[in-house]
Amino acid sequence: QVQLEESGGGLVQPGGSLRLACKASGEIFRIYAMAWYRQAPGKERELVARVPSGGETKYADSVKGRFTISRDTAKNTVALQMNGLKLEDTALYFCYAERVLHSTTGRWGDYWGRGTQVTVSS
């Protein structure tokens, strides 16, 4: 099995910053991509940022220039630095590990973390 543990959420004023972190653990041989998604109340879950192995990092248009995703492939971690936070960034943020190759079974799987709440409020 594979577990994803997020941290770093909280309450911040508009214009402030937060840094989210996620660590994947368990029977991992390799992870193709790691990403952050978010879901606001009454809305669908949406991609925030994604970083594949050896590929181009992708950001949602709404966060370009404000958020930065970074990944440590050796440690199976991914972080999201969020600057210039806006009220509309308030959401539950989920870490996502895409195409995880299991070290014991040789099978592939996709995994979600439980989420960490980010609230932007004055």
Protein backbone atom coordinates (compact mmCIF):
# COMPACT_ATOMS: atom_id res chain seq x y z
CA GLN A 1 0.00 0.00 0.00
CA VAL A 2 0.90 3.63 -0.44
CA GLN A 3 0.06 6.51 1.88
CA LEU A 4 0.16 10.22 1.22
CA GLU A 5 0.41 12.61 4.13
CA GLU A 6 -0.15 16.32 3.64
CA SER A 7 0.76 19.15 5.97
CA GLY A 8 1.00 22.91 6.02
CA GLY A 9 -2.55 24.10 5.63
CA GLY A 10 -4.04 26.81 7.78
CA LEU A 11 -5.65 30.21 8.00
CA VAL A 12 -3.99 33.15 6.27
CA GLN A 13 -4.93 36.68 5.32
CA PRO A 14 -5.26 37.74 1.68
CA GLY A 15 -1.85 38.38 0.20
CA GLY A 16 -0.21 35.96 2.59
CA SER A 17 1.74 32.79 1.96
CA LEU A 18 1.56 29.14 2.89
CA ARG A 19 3.65 26.14 2.02
CA LEU A 20 2.03 22.73 1.67
CA ALA A 21 4.04 19.55 1.88
CA CYS A 22 3.24 15.97 1.01
CA LYS A 23 5.17 12.78 1.54
CA ALA A 24 4.38 9.46 -0.10
CA SER A 25 5.36 6.34 1.78
CA GLY A 26 4.92 2.60 1.48
CA GLU A 27 5.71 0.11 -1.27
CA ILE A 28 6.98 2.61 -3.79
CA PHE A 29 9.46 1.88 -6.54
CA ARG A 30 8.73 4.88 -8.67
CA ILE A 31 6.12 7.64 -9.03
CA TYR A 32 5.46 9.05 -12.48
CA ALA A 33 3.88 12.34 -11.41
CA MET A 34 2.84 14.17 -8.27
CA ALA A 35 0.28 16.90 -8.12
CA TRP A 36 -1.88 19.13 -5.97
CA TYR A 37 -5.61 19.40 -6.45
CA ARG A 38 -8.14 21.47 -4.54
CA GLN A 39 -11.82 21.40 -3.89
CA ALA A 40 -13.84 24.33 -2.64
CA PRO A 41 -17.29 23.86 -1.10
CA GLY A 42 -19.89 23.22 -3.79
CA LYS A 43 -17.29 22.95 -6.53
CA GLU A 44 -15.55 20.13 -8.34
CA ARG A 45 -12.03 19.08 -7.53
CA GLU A 46 -9.58 20.88 -9.80
CA LEU A 47 -5.92 20.54 -10.68
CA VAL A 48 -3.72 23.19 -9.10
CA ALA A 49 -0.26 22.05 -10.21
CA ARG A 50 1.36 18.87 -11.51
CA VAL A 51 4.97 17.83 -11.92
CA PRO A 52 5.77 14.68 -13.91
CA SER A 53 9.10 12.91 -14.00
CA GLY A 54 11.15 14.50 -16.73
CA GLY A 55 8.21 16.45 -18.04
CA GLU A 56 6.78 19.92 -18.05
CA THR A 57 5.24 21.31 -14.89
CA LYS A 58 1.64 22.40 -15.32
CA TYR A 59 -0.30 25.03 -13.37
CA ALA A 60 -3.91 26.09 -13.34
CA ASP A 61 -4.27 29.50 -14.96
CA SER A 62 -5.67 30.89 -11.72
CA VAL A 63 -2.45 30.20 -9.80
CA LYS A 64 0.23 30.89 -12.40
CA GLY A 65 2.82 33.32 -11.11
CA ARG A 66 1.69 32.86 -7.50
CA PHE A 67 2.14 29.16 -6.75
CA THR A 68 5.22 27.02 -7.25
CA ILE A 69 5.28 23.23 -7.13
CA SER A 70 8.49 21.39 -6.34
CA ARG A 71 9.28 17.73 -6.07
CA ASP A 72 12.02 15.58 -4.57
CA THR A 73 11.91 12.36 -6.52
CA ALA A 74 14.37 10.56 -4.25
CA LYS A 75 12.33 11.35 -1.13
CA ASN A 76 8.89 10.95 -2.76
CA THR A 77 7.84 14.38 -1.61
CA VAL A 78 6.09 17.28 -3.25
CA ALA A 79 5.55 20.80 -2.00
CA LEU A 80 3.39 23.71 -3.03
CA GLN A 81 4.55 27.22 -2.21
CA MET A 82 1.56 29.54 -2.32
CA ASN A 83 2.16 33.27 -2.40
CA GLY A 84 -0.24 36.13 -2.92
CA LEU A 85 -3.14 34.08 -1.61
CA LYS A 86 -6.62 35.20 -2.54
CA LEU A 87 -10.02 34.56 -1.00
CA GLU A 88 -10.84 32.26 -3.90
CA ASP A 89 -7.89 30.01 -3.04
CA THR A 90 -9.81 28.78 -0.01
CA ALA A 91 -10.27 25.05 -0.44
CA LEU A 92 -9.30 21.60 0.74
CA TYR A 93 -6.00 20.79 -0.95
CA PHE A 94 -5.18 17.22 -1.90
CA CYS A 95 -1.89 15.62 -2.76
CA TYR A 96 -2.01 13.13 -5.64
CA ALA A 97 0.50 10.49 -6.69
CA GLU A 98 -0.05 9.36 -10.26
CA ARG A 99 1.09 6.02 -11.66
CA VAL A 100 2.88 4.67 -8.64
CA LEU A 101 4.84 1.52 -9.40
CA HIS A 102 4.70 -0.78 -6.41
CA SER A 103 8.02 -2.19 -5.31
CA THR A 104 6.59 -5.55 -4.25
CA THR A 105 3.85 -6.38 -6.74
CA GLY A 106 5.00 -4.55 -9.86
CA ARG A 107 1.52 -3.11 -10.20
CA TRP A 108 0.59 0.51 -10.84
CA GLY A 109 -1.82 2.62 -8.84
CA ASP A 110 -2.96 6.19 -8.25
CA TYR A 111 -3.30 7.59 -4.73
CA TRP A 112 -4.85 10.56 -2.95
CA GLY A 113 -4.04 12.14 0.37
CA ARG A 114 -6.80 13.06 2.79
CA GLY A 115 -6.42 16.75 2.22
CA THR A 116 -5.30 19.81 4.14
CA GLN A 117 -7.50 22.86 4.56
CA VAL A 118 -6.38 26.25 3.32
CA THR A 119 -8.53 29.19 4.37
CA VAL A 120 -7.87 32.70 3.13
CA SER A 121 -9.80 35.25 5.11
CA SER A 122 -9.43 38.75 6.46
